[in-house]
């Protein structure tokens, strides 16, 4: 792991004992620096600016972020089909236009604006199809054959400073004294990045977990010359952190005021006043103390970070506990990813009508992850970003996407194929726009249907502590990324076509072509059904539609096919039944379900107009609905559909099968619901009366365990009656279809 020496050292006064050690260590570090020219001549990512505010501008006069390459070889390098990316797992996120050449000699620097566009501007400047993360990430340069040519990792950046390789010595990197876009880099650092070293282990005298009484924690290491640095606020220890000199007191935090969980983290409306009319989690929640430690010796920080979280005077939880800690400002500061923050207030300042916040971006921040499951404790370094759609700005318990670092892998989801070695996890909060804000029915349904080959993700319920404060009941689930398709279907990323997951330049045209093909489909003819069989796994599609019908997914099948994920293999492999070039569907987002047990599953699909003429803006958006309407006109398809429908209603969805599974799920959640709902309580502030005077509706919100139990009873009734009601509707619509044909 490469960790920059943070600028916080410039703002933190070091203890005197540590200052002397640092001075001596700095001399040692100078002696250990690599010799100039240690790296071979080649092509390198030379310099970048991830917070360009007043510096270099493009042809439109915009100060965009930028990155540059340098060619230290003695020949020109043609960059056709080379990839440049801010995601090592997606190295060809952007490829250089044909004919791009990186010259040798005096003109050996190539500059690219990283602003999310792609191509050339009016001044012939290159623009890459991604933006640089202000919080730090890894840039990767890749040759057409997939060989990694160079990588450059950087940490959190400040405005109008650049990060890169030292002029004359590409082996050394850091924050440069001045940005030099398109020119040779500065020959001095404002702050050099020193590679971390393996300095050994730190032992904790107490395991992470729950304790009845205050206690003293002792930290030890086997190297008497190494210094232990630690923090108690979730941040990563740096040379400015507290040196360990004796036992650390770990005490109860019961009754402490909330620092983070009560912050206004959602946007109520475009009117700024409403966002101050509410107070979130008004009562103190449970809190923990996280000790984060690492070693320091001879001017170098240890590459291992050791993290343990302790709860004193807190009743243990019946579910596994996840502790996620980071720099507090990275999560909850002006630029923090969890809040409306700077984005929202900047938009308001310039009279924008967009209701957006920091959480609408894809900024990743470094964090420390722990999972405590009984006596088992597991920890890893990770990046975290906010994920999801509407839930980003409308839910207190936001979804979080975790990418484990340093080759770490989790076995927490071992029940999933390949789930014993995952490097990506998703923390999904409750709510997400349904009438059941603490039932997690999406997770339950996904687990229940997991073996039905309809593309669901496996889930485990947990309790989340974020920045040492109780955040609520979440589920940990698989990420629906390229790895998901490899583990479940044996399809490699290079062979996968899935809009939203793979390259849009390839995937979207394929999806559009399929949507237009469906729009022209005449399933009453042999030619039409032959086209459908050749382009679609109809058996899988039938199971997919039946599942959507049964749960009546009002934000999916019954919302113009919203939340539909289509995918196929770009290649054909006779040894892999999924690699046949046919489209398939994945069930996705089942939160808006199980609401009306008597809802007609056929009426909407057979009466709405899903044609291209009616939905010209996106004919592929409603393809799943349009397809059903077309196929239903074919008697053979109806018979095929009815057989599978009847079989599933009398087995998979039969009350005697689905009800016990749901009861077990509700019993798992029940012990934690009291604390979970108390955390989600919303009160009003003094500004509520002003908002009401302006005709805004402002009401406090609190759900009780009794109401939660009524939700359970409602869903229990749904599962008791739905299958029978579905069979009655099937008979009705089959009869009507036969009468129409007669």
Foldseek 3Di string as FASTA:
>chain_A
DFDFQDPCVVVFDADPVLVVQLVQLVVLVVVPADDFCPDPFAKEFFKWAQAEDPDDAAPVRDRFIKTKMFGRDQAKDFQAQKFKDQDPVFRNLDGDDGPDIQGDDPQRMAMEGADLDADADPVRHGYTNHHDFQQWTKMWIAHNVGHTRYIDTDGHDDYQWMWGAAFRGRSWIATAPHDDPSHGGHNDHPGTTDGAAAPFDKDWPDAFDEAAFKDWIDIDTPDPQKWKFKDFQFEAGHSSGDTDDDTDIFGAPPQPFDDPLFQQQADPFLDPLQSAFWTFLRGAFFFKTKMKMWIDHSNHTHPDIDIGIYHYNDDDDLFKEKEKGYPCCCQDNQLHQRHQHPVSVVCVVVPHSDRGGSVVDFHKHKIKMWIGDPPDIDIFIWIKHFDDDPCSRVPSQTKIKIATPPLQADLPVVVAQVSHGHRIKMWAAACPPAPQRQQPVLQLLLCLCVPVPQAGWHWGWYWYDYSRGTRFITIIIDDPEQVSCCRPFVAHLVFKQKPPHHRCVPNVVVLQVLLVLLLPAQQQDPVRVVVCVLAAPVVQLLVNLLSCLLFVQCQALVVLRHPKIKMATNAADVVGPRNRNHIHTHDGDRRHTLDDLLDQSPPSLQPDDLHCVVVVVGSSSNSSSSNCNNNVLYPVSLVVSLVVLLVCLVPSLALVHSLVSSVVSCVSSLVRVQSRQSSRWMGTDPSNVVCVVVVDDDDTDGDHSVNSVVVSVSSNVSSNCNSVSNNVSSVVVVVVSVVVVD
